[in-house]
Amino acid sequence: MTSPTLGQQTEPAWLRALRGPWGTYLGLAVVLVGMIAFFSYKSEYFWSKETFVSIANDIPALAVMAVGMTFVLIIAGIDLSVGSVLALSAGVAAQAIMLWGMNVWAAGALGLLTGLVCGTITGAVSVAWRLPSFIVSLGMLESLRGAAYVVTDSRTQYVGDAISGLAAPIVDGVSSAFVIAVLIVIVGHIILTRTVFGRYVIGIGTNEEAMRLAGINPSPIRIMVFAATGLLAGLAGLMQAARLEAADPNAGAGMELQVIAAVVIGGTSLMGGRGSVIATFFGVLIIAVLEAGLAQIGASEPQKRIITGVVIVVAVIIDTIRQRRVARAV
């Protein structure tokens, strides 16, 4: 073990903390608070209980998929199929209720199983043939979207209040789906930072060959990460169907880009080896607040897309600069 340098010995504890995850959290929190202050100034309706409840109820599907995507990006992969998995899982659950007469619990389990199988296939194909996950998941995106159309007969399937309990308000209008999403964020954070599996995930993203030389087979871990991401996308599909009381075969189209944006804004490296589930949740909140605020101040759809894109790029640039400074300091 090397002894700390003189600079490290005299460096205040709070400064050392800012060089780690807490620095990331603080930076994201400042951005979030700044955005809230700006939109509250620009719109008299933004700073209200209704706005924040609406944001909380909007983000569960995005948040749970972003947790899975964080793990995928940490192992230097990517999954573009999560939006299609969402649509297919919701469609399967809706058809199970409407056509096959299943109760809501069995139908929900079938929807989750659908997501799990889809994620497992993506991971297994990528690992077995050593294909880039970008290509495999791109193919799955198209295939599963087609499957969603087949399952739903290309029509929105209205399930009424059969699964609306997942979106029912429980505290001051906040839905149970939001509470579940927060719990999943907490569990994901614990798995990533406090378990052997989490250390393996980071190790694979940092140096996969070194993991092999250490006697650890990365293949099953990679497949498990993609399988968990598919499972979470299936849960997101149930959450969205519960809120809309319907399963739309077009649901989740383009949502994979929002998910990746939230994870990248949270500081997860696209090159793998670095990421935080808590920081990803901040990224989800930033995107949700940005969209709600822009809508309230009357921004057009093209303007919203331009601003959101700029925010993503700026967030990545800032995080890159911060990481370089940390590396130089070390």
C-alpha atoms as a PDB file:
ATOM      1  CA  MET A   1       0.000   0.000   0.000  1.00  0.00           C
ATOM      2  CA  THR A   2       1.351   3.404  -0.935  1.00  0.00           C
ATOM      3  CA  SER A   3       1.356   6.195   1.610  1.00  0.00           C
ATOM      4  CA  PRO A   4      -0.580   9.374   0.802  1.00  0.00           C
ATOM      5  CA  THR A   5       1.344  12.279  -0.630  1.00  0.00           C
ATOM      6  CA  LEU A   6       1.811  15.495   1.310  1.00  0.00           C
ATOM      7  CA  GLY A   7      -0.875  17.160  -0.821  1.00  0.00           C
ATOM      8  CA  GLN A   8      -3.330  14.371  -0.081  1.00  0.00           C
ATOM      9  CA  GLN A   9      -2.549  14.556   3.656  1.00  0.00           C
ATOM     10  CA  THR A  10      -3.229  18.290   3.861  1.00  0.00           C
ATOM     11  CA  GLU A  11      -6.245  18.261   1.538  1.00  0.00           C
ATOM     12  CA  PRO A  12      -9.496  18.929   3.438  1.00  0.00           C
ATOM     13  CA  ALA A  13     -11.885  15.986   3.776  1.00  0.00           C
ATOM     14  CA  TRP A  14     -14.690  17.897   2.074  1.00  0.00           C
ATOM     15  CA  LEU A  15     -12.476  18.504  -0.969  1.00  0.00           C
ATOM     16  CA  ARG A  16     -11.605  14.817  -1.188  1.00  0.00           C
ATOM     17  CA  ALA A  17     -15.327  14.020  -1.026  1.00  0.00           C
ATOM     18  CA  LEU A  18     -16.032  16.384  -3.916  1.00  0.00           C
ATOM     19  CA  ARG A  19     -13.569  14.459  -6.056  1.00  0.00           C
ATOM     20  CA  GLY A  20     -15.703  11.336  -5.647  1.00  0.00           C
ATOM     21  CA  PRO A  21     -19.384  10.496  -6.144  1.00  0.00           C
ATOM     22  CA  TRP A  22     -20.544  13.253  -3.822  1.00  0.00           C
ATOM     23  CA  GLY A  23     -19.055  15.808  -6.174  1.00  0.00           C
ATOM     24  CA  THR A  24     -21.150  14.366  -8.990  1.00  0.00           C
ATOM     25  CA  TYR A  25     -24.285  14.373  -6.852  1.00  0.00           C
ATOM     26  CA  LEU A  26     -23.699  17.954  -5.770  1.00  0.00           C
ATOM     27  CA  GLY A  27     -23.114  19.150  -9.326  1.00  0.00           C
ATOM     28  CA  LEU A  28     -26.276  17.453 -10.599  1.00  0.00           C
ATOM     29  CA  ALA A  29     -28.279  18.792  -7.645  1.00  0.00           C
ATOM     30  CA  VAL A  30     -27.099  22.331  -8.407  1.00  0.00           C
ATOM     31  CA  VAL A  31     -28.168  21.948 -12.035  1.00  0.00           C
ATOM     32  CA  LEU A  32     -31.557  20.569 -10.978  1.00  0.00           C
ATOM     33  CA  VAL A  33     -32.202  23.339  -8.454  1.00  0.00           C
ATOM     34  CA  GLY A  34     -31.087  25.930 -10.986  1.00  0.00           C
ATOM     35  CA  MET A  35     -33.521  24.600 -13.585  1.00  0.00           C
ATOM     36  CA  ILE A  36     -36.372  24.585 -11.079  1.00  0.00           C
ATOM     37  CA  ALA A  37     -35.574  28.179 -10.089  1.00  0.00           C
ATOM     38  CA  PHE A  38     -35.401  29.289 -13.723  1.00  0.00           C
ATOM     39  CA  PHE A  39     -38.713  27.714 -14.745  1.00  0.00           C
ATOM     40  CA  SER A  40     -40.390  28.958 -11.563  1.00  0.00           C
ATOM     41  CA  TYR A  41     -39.294  32.475 -12.518  1.00  0.00           C
ATOM     42  CA  LYS A  42     -40.440  32.116 -16.132  1.00  0.00           C
ATOM     43  CA  SER A  43     -43.803  30.498 -15.340  1.00  0.00           C
ATOM     44  CA  GLU A  44     -46.055  31.334 -12.422  1.00  0.00           C
ATOM     45  CA  TYR A  45     -47.534  27.829 -12.570  1.00  0.00           C
ATOM     46  CA  PHE A  46     -44.339  25.788 -12.409  1.00  0.00           C
ATOM     47  CA  TRP A  47     -43.688  26.082  -8.668  1.00  0.00           C
ATOM     48  CA  SER A  48     -46.751  24.168  -7.536  1.00  0.00           C
ATOM     49  CA  LYS A  49     -47.657  20.854  -5.988  1.00  0.00           C
ATOM     50  CA  GLU A  50     -49.492  19.853  -9.167  1.00  0.00           C
ATOM     51  CA  THR A  51     -46.375  20.301 -11.302  1.00  0.00           C
ATOM     52  CA  PHE A  52     -44.133  18.244  -9.051  1.00  0.00           C
ATOM     53  CA  VAL A  53     -46.731  15.494  -8.597  1.00  0.00           C
ATOM     54  CA  SER A  54     -47.120  15.356 -12.367  1.00  0.00           C
ATOM     55  CA  ILE A  55     -43.332  15.061 -12.801  1.00  0.00           C
ATOM     56  CA  ALA A  56     -43.168  12.319 -10.157  1.00  0.00           C
ATOM     57  CA  ASN A  57     -45.903  10.344 -11.884  1.00  0.00           C
ATOM     58  CA  ASP A  58     -44.316  10.834 -15.317  1.00  0.00           C
ATOM     59  CA  ILE A  59     -40.887   9.395 -14.540  1.00  0.00           C
ATOM     60  CA  PRO A  60     -41.312   5.830 -13.144  1.00  0.00           C
ATOM     61  CA  ALA A  61     -41.008   4.049 -16.506  1.00  0.00           C
ATOM     62  CA  LEU A  62     -38.007   6.165 -17.518  1.00  0.00           C
ATOM     63  CA  ALA A  63     -36.368   5.735 -14.107  1.00  0.00           C
ATOM     64  CA  VAL A  64     -36.569   1.941 -13.916  1.00  0.00           C
ATOM     65  CA  MET A  65     -35.260   1.532 -17.479  1.00  0.00           C
ATOM     66  CA  ALA A  66     -32.447   3.980 -16.734  1.00  0.00           C
ATOM     67  CA  VAL A  67     -31.341   1.824 -13.786  1.00  0.00           C
ATOM     68  CA  GLY A  68     -30.903  -1.134 -16.114  1.00  0.00           C
ATOM     69  CA  MET A  69     -29.216   0.989 -18.772  1.00  0.00           C
ATOM     70  CA  THR A  70     -26.707   2.238 -16.197  1.00  0.00           C
ATOM     71  CA  PHE A  71     -25.468  -1.313 -15.673  1.00  0.00           C
ATOM     72  CA  VAL A  72     -25.393  -1.936 -19.436  1.00  0.00           C
ATOM     73  CA  LEU A  73     -23.295   1.155 -20.121  1.00  0.00           C
ATOM     74  CA  ILE A  74     -20.945   0.349 -17.239  1.00  0.00           C
ATOM     75  CA  ILE A  75     -20.055  -2.965 -18.919  1.00  0.00           C
ATOM     76  CA  ALA A  76     -19.387  -0.936 -22.102  1.00  0.00           C
ATOM     77  CA  GLY A  77     -22.564  -2.143 -23.813  1.00  0.00           C
ATOM     78  CA  ILE A  78     -25.754  -0.487 -24.977  1.00  0.00           C
ATOM     79  CA  ASP A  79     -29.357  -1.616 -25.339  1.00  0.00           C
ATOM     80  CA  LEU A  80     -31.438   0.190 -27.943  1.00  0.00           C
ATOM     81  CA  SER A  81     -34.371  -2.220 -27.640  1.00  0.00           C
ATOM     82  CA  VAL A  82     -35.798  -1.124 -24.276  1.00  0.00           C
ATOM     83  CA  GLY A  83     -38.580   0.980 -25.820  1.00  0.00           C
ATOM     84  CA  SER A  84     -39.745  -1.949 -27.933  1.00  0.00           C
ATOM     85  CA  VAL A  85     -39.506  -4.306 -24.955  1.00  0.00           C
ATOM     86  CA  LEU A  86     -41.732  -1.881 -23.049  1.00  0.00           C
ATOM     87  CA  ALA A  87     -44.390  -1.965 -25.793  1.00  0.00           C
ATOM     88  CA  LEU A  88     -44.272  -5.749 -26.240  1.00  0.00           C
ATOM     89  CA  SER A  89     -44.428  -6.494 -22.506  1.00  0.00           C
ATOM     90  CA  ALA A  90     -47.404  -4.179 -22.045  1.00  0.00           C
ATOM     91  CA  GLY A  91     -49.119  -5.691 -25.096  1.00  0.00           C
ATOM     92  CA  VAL A  92     -48.633  -9.252 -23.837  1.00  0.00           C
ATOM     93  CA  ALA A  93     -49.991  -8.342 -20.392  1.00  0.00           C
ATOM     94  CA  ALA A  94     -53.008  -6.575 -21.914  1.00  0.00           C
ATOM     95  CA  GLN A  95     -53.832  -9.497 -24.199  1.00  0.00           C
ATOM     96  CA  ALA A  96     -53.446 -11.915 -21.294  1.00  0.00           C
ATOM     97  CA  ILE A  97     -56.142  -9.978 -19.442  1.00  0.00           C
ATOM     98  CA  MET A  98     -58.464  -9.214 -22.335  1.00  0.00           C
ATOM     99  CA  LEU A  99     -58.272 -12.374 -24.454  1.00  0.00           C
ATOM    100  CA  TRP A 100     -56.868 -15.113 -22.269  1.00  0.00           C
ATOM    101  CA  GLY A 101     -58.795 -14.288 -19.114  1.00  0.00           C
ATOM    102  CA  MET A 102     -55.776 -14.171 -16.809  1.00  0.00           C
ATOM    103  CA  ASN A 103     -55.972 -12.292 -13.550  1.00  0.00           C
ATOM    104  CA  VAL A 104     -53.927  -9.135 -13.222  1.00  0.00           C
ATOM    105  CA  TRP A 105     -51.109 -10.767 -11.231  1.00  0.00           C
ATOM    106  CA  ALA A 106     -50.606 -13.593 -13.718  1.00  0.00           C
ATOM    107  CA  ALA A 107     -50.797 -11.166 -16.645  1.00  0.00           C
ATOM    108  CA  GLY A 108     -48.284  -8.865 -14.970  1.00  0.00           C
ATOM    109  CA  ALA A 109     -45.923 -11.767 -14.346  1.00  0.00           C
ATOM    110  CA  LEU A 110     -46.219 -12.761 -18.006  1.00  0.00           C
ATOM    111  CA  GLY A 111     -45.375  -9.203 -19.050  1.00  0.00           C
ATOM    112  CA  LEU A 112     -42.297  -9.219 -16.802  1.00  0.00           C
ATOM    113  CA  LEU A 113     -41.269 -12.614 -18.134  1.00  0.00           C
ATOM    114  CA  THR A 114     -41.556 -11.249 -21.666  1.00  0.00           C
ATOM    115  CA  GLY A 115     -39.143  -8.449 -20.836  1.00  0.00           C
ATOM    116  CA  LEU A 116     -36.764 -10.867 -19.117  1.00  0.00           C
ATOM    117  CA  VAL A 117     -36.695 -13.201 -22.121  1.00  0.00           C
ATOM    118  CA  CYS A 118     -36.131 -10.323 -24.559  1.00  0.00           C
ATOM    119  CA  GLY A 119     -33.219  -8.972 -22.520  1.00  0.00           C
ATOM    120  CA  THR A 120     -31.718 -12.445 -22.141  1.00  0.00           C
ATOM    121  CA  ILE A 121     -31.851 -13.000 -25.906  1.00  0.00           C
ATOM    122  CA  THR A 122     -30.106  -9.679 -26.564  1.00  0.00           C
ATOM    123  CA  GLY A 123     -27.356 -10.468 -24.079  1.00  0.00           C
ATOM    124  CA  ALA A 124     -26.941 -14.108 -25.122  1.00  0.00           C
ATOM    125  CA  VAL A 125     -26.703 -13.340 -28.840  1.00  0.00           C
ATOM    126  CA  SER A 126     -24.233 -10.530 -28.217  1.00  0.00           C
ATOM    127  CA  VAL A 127     -22.048 -12.741 -26.013  1.00  0.00           C
ATOM    128  CA  ALA A 128     -22.303 -16.006 -27.963  1.00  0.00           C
ATOM    129  CA  TRP A 129     -21.305 -14.492 -31.304  1.00  0.00           C
ATOM    130  CA  ARG A 130     -19.192 -11.667 -29.849  1.00  0.00           C
ATOM    131  CA  LEU A 131     -21.295  -9.098 -31.650  1.00  0.00           C
ATOM    132  CA  PRO A 132     -21.504  -5.435 -30.637  1.00  0.00           C
ATOM    133  CA  SER A 133     -24.553  -5.004 -28.421  1.00  0.00           C
ATOM    134  CA  PHE A 134     -25.385  -1.898 -30.466  1.00  0.00           C
ATOM    135  CA  ILE A 135     -26.060  -4.042 -33.544  1.00  0.00           C
ATOM    136  CA  VAL A 136     -27.872  -6.821 -31.706  1.00  0.00           C
ATOM    137  CA  SER A 137     -30.135  -4.475 -29.776  1.00  0.00           C
ATOM    138  CA  LEU A 138     -30.830  -2.454 -32.934  1.00  0.00           C
ATOM    139  CA  GLY A 139     -32.084  -5.622 -34.583  1.00  0.00           C
ATOM    140  CA  MET A 140     -34.109  -6.472 -31.472  1.00  0.00           C
ATOM    141  CA  LEU A 141     -35.586  -2.964 -31.502  1.00  0.00           C
ATOM    142  CA  GLU A 142     -37.128  -3.596 -34.916  1.00  0.00           C
ATOM    143  CA  SER A 143     -38.086  -7.239 -34.288  1.00  0.00           C
ATOM    144  CA  LEU A 144     -39.749  -6.595 -30.946  1.00  0.00           C
ATOM    145  CA  ARG A 145     -41.612  -3.558 -32.260  1.00  0.00           C
ATOM    146  CA  GLY A 146     -43.002  -5.787 -34.984  1.00  0.00           C
ATOM    147  CA  ALA A 147     -43.896  -8.393 -32.358  1.00  0.00           C
ATOM    148  CA  ALA A 148     -45.728  -5.710 -30.376  1.00  0.00           C
ATOM    149  CA  TYR A 149     -47.835  -4.925 -33.442  1.00  0.00           C
ATOM    150  CA  VAL A 150     -48.580  -8.621 -33.963  1.00  0.00           C
ATOM    151  CA  VAL A 151     -49.565  -9.208 -30.341  1.00  0.00           C
ATOM    152  CA  THR A 152     -51.859  -6.180 -30.207  1.00  0.00           C
ATOM    153  CA  ASP A 153     -53.168  -6.624 -33.767  1.00  0.00           C
ATOM    154  CA  SER A 154     -51.704  -3.156 -34.476  1.00  0.00           C
ATOM    155  CA  ARG A 155     -54.316  -1.548 -32.250  1.00  0.00           C
ATOM    156  CA  THR A 156     -54.290   0.061 -28.848  1.00  0.00           C
ATOM    157  CA  GLN A 157     -55.610  -2.461 -26.329  1.00  0.00           C
ATOM    158  CA  TYR A 158     -57.761  -0.787 -23.680  1.00  0.00           C
ATOM    159  CA  VAL A 159     -57.659  -2.671 -20.392  1.00  0.00           C
ATOM    160  CA  GLY A 160     -59.631  -0.160 -18.333  1.00  0.00           C
ATOM    161  CA  ASP A 161     -58.820  -0.136 -14.635  1.00  0.00           C
ATOM    162  CA  ALA A 162     -57.659  -3.771 -14.566  1.00  0.00           C
ATOM    163  CA  ILE A 163     -54.054  -2.782 -13.804  1.00  0.00           C
ATOM    164  CA  SER A 164     -54.584   0.838 -12.829  1.00  0.00           C
ATOM    165  CA  GLY A 165     -53.621   0.057  -9.233  1.00  0.00           C
ATOM    166  CA  LEU A 166     -49.956   0.385 -10.208  1.00  0.00           C
ATOM    167  CA  ALA A 167     -50.591   4.020 -11.110  1.00  0.00           C
ATOM    168  CA  ALA A 168     -53.035   4.769  -8.312  1.00  0.00           C
ATOM    169  CA  PRO A 169     -52.106   7.698  -6.048  1.00  0.00           C
ATOM    170  CA  ILE A 170     -51.043   6.701  -2.542  1.00  0.00           C
ATOM    171  CA  VAL A 171     -49.570   9.845  -0.940  1.00  0.00           C
ATOM    172  CA  ASP A 172     -50.620  13.375  -1.957  1.00  0.00           C
ATOM    173  CA  GLY A 173     -51.312  12.243  -5.502  1.00  0.00           C
ATOM    174  CA  VAL A 174     -47.973  10.468  -5.957  1.00  0.00           C
ATOM    175  CA  SER A 175     -48.454   7.050  -7.544  1.00  0.00           C
ATOM    176  CA  SER A 176     -47.275   3.704  -6.228  1.00  0.00           C
ATOM    177  CA  ALA A 177     -45.259   3.367  -9.457  1.00  0.00           C
ATOM    178  CA  PHE A 178     -43.062   6.284  -8.340  1.00  0.00           C
ATOM    179  CA  VAL A 179     -42.454   4.640  -4.965  1.00  0.00           C
ATOM    180  CA  ILE A 180     -41.524   1.372  -6.712  1.00  0.00           C
ATOM    181  CA  ALA A 181     -39.172   3.261  -9.037  1.00  0.00           C
ATOM    182  CA  VAL A 182     -37.398   4.913  -6.092  1.00  0.00           C
ATOM    183  CA  LEU A 183     -37.031   1.530  -4.362  1.00  0.00           C
ATOM    184  CA  ILE A 184     -35.533   0.058  -7.540  1.00  0.00           C
ATOM    185  CA  VAL A 185     -33.060   2.957  -7.706  1.00  0.00           C
ATOM    186  CA  ILE A 186     -32.022   2.249  -4.102  1.00  0.00           C
ATOM    187  CA  VAL A 187     -31.678  -1.494  -4.722  1.00  0.00           C
ATOM    188  CA  GLY A 188     -29.725  -0.853  -7.933  1.00  0.00           C
ATOM    189  CA  HIS A 189     -27.360   1.468  -6.068  1.00  0.00           C
ATOM    190  CA  ILE A 190     -26.770  -1.117  -3.347  1.00  0.00           C
ATOM    191  CA  ILE A 191     -26.129  -3.882  -5.891  1.00  0.00           C
ATOM    192  CA  LEU A 192     -23.653  -1.737  -7.818  1.00  0.00           C
ATOM    193  CA  THR A 193     -21.735  -0.405  -4.817  1.00  0.00           C
ATOM    194  CA  ARG A 194     -22.088  -3.050  -2.106  1.00  0.00           C
ATOM    195  CA  THR A 195     -22.073  -6.461  -3.795  1.00  0.00           C
ATOM    196  CA  VAL A 196     -19.581  -8.728  -5.526  1.00  0.00           C
ATOM    197  CA  PHE A 197     -21.781  -8.662  -8.626  1.00  0.00           C
ATOM    198  CA  GLY A 198     -21.516  -4.877  -8.747  1.00  0.00           C
ATOM    199  CA  ARG A 199     -17.729  -5.042  -8.487  1.00  0.00           C
ATOM    200  CA  TYR A 200     -17.663  -7.562 -11.318  1.00  0.00           C
ATOM    201  CA  VAL A 201     -19.818  -5.265 -13.461  1.00  0.00           C
ATOM    202  CA  ILE A 202     -17.433  -2.342 -12.942  1.00  0.00           C
ATOM    203  CA  GLY A 203     -14.437  -4.611 -13.475  1.00  0.00           C
ATOM    204  CA  ILE A 204     -15.770  -5.874 -16.803  1.00  0.00           C
ATOM    205  CA  GLY A 205     -16.322  -2.335 -18.027  1.00  0.00           C
ATOM    206  CA  THR A 206     -12.894  -1.215 -16.842  1.00  0.00           C
ATOM    207  CA  ASN A 207     -10.800  -4.133 -18.135  1.00  0.00           C
ATOM    208  CA  GLU A 208     -12.580  -7.275 -19.279  1.00  0.00           C
ATOM    209  CA  GLU A 209      -9.353  -9.118 -20.109  1.00  0.00           C
ATOM    210  CA  ALA A 210      -8.049  -8.547 -16.592  1.00  0.00           C
ATOM    211  CA  MET A 211     -11.246 -10.090 -15.227  1.00  0.00           C
ATOM    212  CA  ARG A 212     -10.669 -13.171 -17.364  1.00  0.00           C
ATOM    213  CA  LEU A 213      -7.078 -13.458 -16.169  1.00  0.00           C
ATOM    214  CA  ALA A 214      -8.400 -13.245 -12.603  1.00  0.00           C
ATOM    215  CA  GLY A 215     -10.496 -16.349 -13.282  1.00  0.00           C
ATOM    216  CA  ILE A 216     -13.856 -14.593 -13.682  1.00  0.00           C
ATOM    217  CA  ASN A 217     -15.981 -15.396 -16.739  1.00  0.00           C
ATOM    218  CA  PRO A 218     -17.571 -12.142 -17.942  1.00  0.00           C
ATOM    219  CA  SER A 219     -20.099 -13.840 -20.253  1.00  0.00           C
ATOM    220  CA  PRO A 220     -22.779 -14.852 -17.704  1.00  0.00           C
ATOM    221  CA  ILE A 221     -22.476 -11.477 -15.986  1.00  0.00           C
ATOM    222  CA  ARG A 222     -23.028  -9.674 -19.278  1.00  0.00           C
ATOM    223  CA  ILE A 223     -26.080 -11.806 -20.025  1.00  0.00           C
ATOM    224  CA  MET A 224     -27.473 -11.182 -16.533  1.00  0.00           C
ATOM    225  CA  VAL A 225     -27.084  -7.417 -16.977  1.00  0.00           C
ATOM    226  CA  PHE A 226     -29.021  -7.441 -20.267  1.00  0.00           C
ATOM    227  CA  ALA A 227     -31.634  -9.813 -18.792  1.00  0.00           C
ATOM    228  CA  ALA A 228     -32.184  -7.477 -15.818  1.00  0.00           C
ATOM    229  CA  THR A 229     -32.481  -4.523 -18.178  1.00  0.00           C
ATOM    230  CA  GLY A 230     -35.150  -6.373 -20.161  1.00  0.00           C
ATOM    231  CA  LEU A 231     -36.989  -7.225 -16.951  1.00  0.00           C
ATOM    232  CA  LEU A 232     -36.987  -3.575 -15.895  1.00  0.00           C
ATOM    233  CA  ALA A 233     -38.198  -2.529 -19.353  1.00  0.00           C
ATOM    234  CA  GLY A 234     -41.049  -5.020 -18.922  1.00  0.00           C
ATOM    235  CA  LEU A 235     -41.910  -3.437 -15.577  1.00  0.00           C
ATOM    236  CA  ALA A 236     -41.815  -0.015 -17.255  1.00  0.00           C
ATOM    237  CA  GLY A 237     -44.331  -1.311 -19.795  1.00  0.00           C
ATOM    238  CA  LEU A 238     -46.701  -2.342 -17.012  1.00  0.00           C
ATOM    239  CA  MET A 239     -46.277   1.041 -15.345  1.00  0.00           C
ATOM    240  CA  GLN A 240     -47.110   2.899 -18.528  1.00  0.00           C
ATOM    241  CA  ALA A 241     -50.063   0.649 -19.346  1.00  0.00           C
ATOM    242  CA  ALA A 242     -51.408   1.133 -15.817  1.00  0.00           C
ATOM    243  CA  ARG A 243     -51.192   4.896 -16.130  1.00  0.00           C
ATOM    244  CA  LEU A 244     -52.826   5.022 -19.571  1.00  0.00           C
ATOM    245  CA  GLU A 245     -55.157   2.067 -18.860  1.00  0.00           C
ATOM    246  CA  ALA A 246     -54.126   0.804 -22.296  1.00  0.00           C
ATOM    247  CA  ALA A 247     -51.305  -0.930 -24.155  1.00  0.00           C
ATOM    248  CA  ASP A 248     -50.208   0.950 -27.261  1.00  0.00           C
ATOM    249  CA  PRO A 249     -47.975  -0.868 -29.792  1.00  0.00           C
ATOM    250  CA  ASN A 250     -46.297   2.509 -30.448  1.00  0.00           C
ATOM    251  CA  ALA A 251     -45.498   3.032 -26.768  1.00  0.00           C
ATOM    252  CA  GLY A 252     -41.889   3.692 -25.934  1.00  0.00           C
ATOM    253  CA  ALA A 253     -40.900   4.615 -29.491  1.00  0.00           C
ATOM    254  CA  GLY A 254     -37.711   6.663 -29.199  1.00  0.00           C
ATOM    255  CA  MET A 255     -37.705   6.265 -25.423  1.00  0.00           C
ATOM    256  CA  GLU A 256     -34.391   4.422 -25.539  1.00  0.00           C
ATOM    257  CA  LEU A 257     -32.743   7.743 -26.429  1.00  0.00           C
ATOM    258  CA  GLN A 258     -34.280   9.415 -23.376  1.00  0.00           C
ATOM    259  CA  VAL A 259     -33.051   6.557 -21.204  1.00  0.00           C
ATOM    260  CA  ILE A 260     -29.508   6.783 -22.548  1.00  0.00           C
ATOM    261  CA  ALA A 261     -29.591  10.578 -22.208  1.00  0.00           C
ATOM    262  CA  ALA A 262     -30.591  10.328 -18.534  1.00  0.00           C
ATOM    263  CA  VAL A 263     -27.782   7.873 -17.822  1.00  0.00           C
ATOM    264  CA  VAL A 264     -25.186   9.964 -19.671  1.00  0.00           C
ATOM    265  CA  ILE A 265     -26.315  13.172 -17.947  1.00  0.00           C
ATOM    266  CA  GLY A 266     -25.793  11.280 -14.680  1.00  0.00           C
ATOM    267  CA  GLY A 267     -22.127  10.844 -15.591  1.00  0.00           C
ATOM    268  CA  THR A 268     -22.037   7.183 -16.627  1.00  0.00           C
ATOM    269  CA  SER A 269     -19.249   6.652 -19.141  1.00  0.00           C
ATOM    270  CA  LEU A 270     -20.181   5.392 -22.612  1.00  0.00           C
ATOM    271  CA  MET A 271     -16.767   3.681 -22.621  1.00  0.00           C
ATOM    272  CA  GLY A 272     -17.679   1.600 -19.586  1.00  0.00           C
ATOM    273  CA  GLY A 273     -16.222   1.143 -16.123  1.00  0.00           C
ATOM    274  CA  ARG A 274     -17.835   4.141 -14.442  1.00  0.00           C
ATOM    275  CA  GLY A 275     -21.365   5.006 -13.429  1.00  0.00           C
ATOM    276  CA  SER A 276     -23.803   5.613 -10.581  1.00  0.00           C
ATOM    277  CA  VAL A 277     -27.442   4.647 -10.224  1.00  0.00           C
ATOM    278  CA  ILE A 278     -28.120   7.607  -7.916  1.00  0.00           C
ATOM    279  CA  ALA A 279     -26.560  10.000 -10.415  1.00  0.00           C
ATOM    280  CA  THR A 280     -28.679   8.397 -13.144  1.00  0.00           C
ATOM    281  CA  PHE A 281     -31.796   9.188 -11.115  1.00  0.00           C
ATOM    282  CA  PHE A 282     -30.668  12.812 -10.995  1.00  0.00           C
ATOM    283  CA  GLY A 283     -30.367  12.624 -14.772  1.00  0.00           C
ATOM    284  CA  VAL A 284     -33.941  11.346 -15.011  1.00  0.00           C
ATOM    285  CA  LEU A 285     -35.163  14.223 -12.837  1.00  0.00           C
ATOM    286  CA  ILE A 286     -33.238  16.769 -14.922  1.00  0.00           C
ATOM    287  CA  ILE A 287     -34.821  15.510 -18.146  1.00  0.00           C
ATOM    288  CA  ALA A 288     -38.306  15.429 -16.575  1.00  0.00           C
ATOM    289  CA  VAL A 289     -37.993  18.952 -15.136  1.00  0.00           C
ATOM    290  CA  LEU A 290     -36.586  20.238 -18.434  1.00  0.00           C
ATOM    291  CA  GLU A 291     -39.484  18.802 -20.436  1.00  0.00           C
ATOM    292  CA  ALA A 292     -42.137  20.022 -17.976  1.00  0.00           C
ATOM    293  CA  GLY A 293     -40.586  23.480 -17.731  1.00  0.00           C
ATOM    294  CA  LEU A 294     -40.212  23.935 -21.474  1.00  0.00           C
ATOM    295  CA  ALA A 295     -43.829  22.878 -21.963  1.00  0.00           C
ATOM    296  CA  GLN A 296     -45.043  25.404 -19.401  1.00  0.00           C
ATOM    297  CA  ILE A 297     -43.122  28.323 -20.896  1.00  0.00           C
ATOM    298  CA  GLY A 298     -44.564  27.524 -24.313  1.00  0.00           C
ATOM    299  CA  ALA A 299     -41.534  26.103 -26.121  1.00  0.00           C
ATOM    300  CA  SER A 300     -42.385  24.397 -29.401  1.00  0.00           C
ATOM    301  CA  GLU A 301     -41.512  20.748 -30.029  1.00  0.00           C
ATOM    302  CA  PRO A 302     -38.503  21.588 -32.248  1.00  0.00           C
ATOM    303  CA  GLN A 303     -37.236  24.040 -29.628  1.00  0.00           C
ATOM    304  CA  LYS A 304     -37.618  21.405 -26.903  1.00  0.00           C
ATOM    305  CA  ARG A 305     -35.587  18.879 -28.864  1.00  0.00           C
ATOM    306  CA  ILE A 306     -32.834  21.391 -29.628  1.00  0.00           C
ATOM    307  CA  ILE A 307     -32.543  22.501 -26.002  1.00  0.00           C
ATOM    308  CA  THR A 308     -32.619  18.935 -24.660  1.00  0.00           C
ATOM    309  CA  GLY A 309     -29.874  17.916 -27.082  1.00  0.00           C
ATOM    310  CA  VAL A 310     -27.708  20.874 -26.076  1.00  0.00           C
ATOM    311  CA  VAL A 311     -28.197  20.059 -22.376  1.00  0.00           C
ATOM    312  CA  ILE A 312     -27.047  16.477 -22.960  1.00  0.00           C
ATOM    313  CA  VAL A 313     -23.916  17.549 -24.820  1.00  0.00           C
ATOM    314  CA  VAL A 314     -23.058  20.218 -22.232  1.00  0.00           C
ATOM    315  CA  ALA A 315     -23.558  17.715 -19.398  1.00  0.00           C
ATOM    316  CA  VAL A 316     -21.146  15.269 -21.028  1.00  0.00           C
ATOM    317  CA  ILE A 317     -18.552  18.015 -21.642  1.00  0.00           C
ATOM    318  CA  ILE A 318     -18.737  19.206 -18.021  1.00  0.00           C
ATOM    319  CA  ASP A 319     -18.440  15.673 -16.663  1.00  0.00           C
ATOM    320  CA  THR A 320     -15.478  14.957 -18.955  1.00  0.00           C
ATOM    321  CA  ILE A 321     -13.675  18.101 -17.755  1.00  0.00           C
ATOM    322  CA  ARG A 322     -14.344  17.190 -14.112  1.00  0.00           C
ATOM    323  CA  GLN A 323     -13.034  13.648 -14.576  1.00  0.00           C
ATOM    324  CA  ARG A 324      -9.866  14.912 -16.265  1.00  0.00           C
ATOM    325  CA  ARG A 325      -9.202  17.265 -13.359  1.00  0.00           C
ATOM    326  CA  VAL A 326      -9.717  14.423 -10.903  1.00  0.00           C
ATOM    327  CA  ALA A 327      -7.341  12.203 -12.899  1.00  0.00           C
ATOM    328  CA  ARG A 328      -4.680  14.918 -12.934  1.00  0.00           C
ATOM    329  CA  ALA A 329      -5.089  15.484  -9.196  1.00  0.00           C
ATOM    330  CA  VAL A 330      -4.579  11.782  -8.528  1.00  0.00           C
END
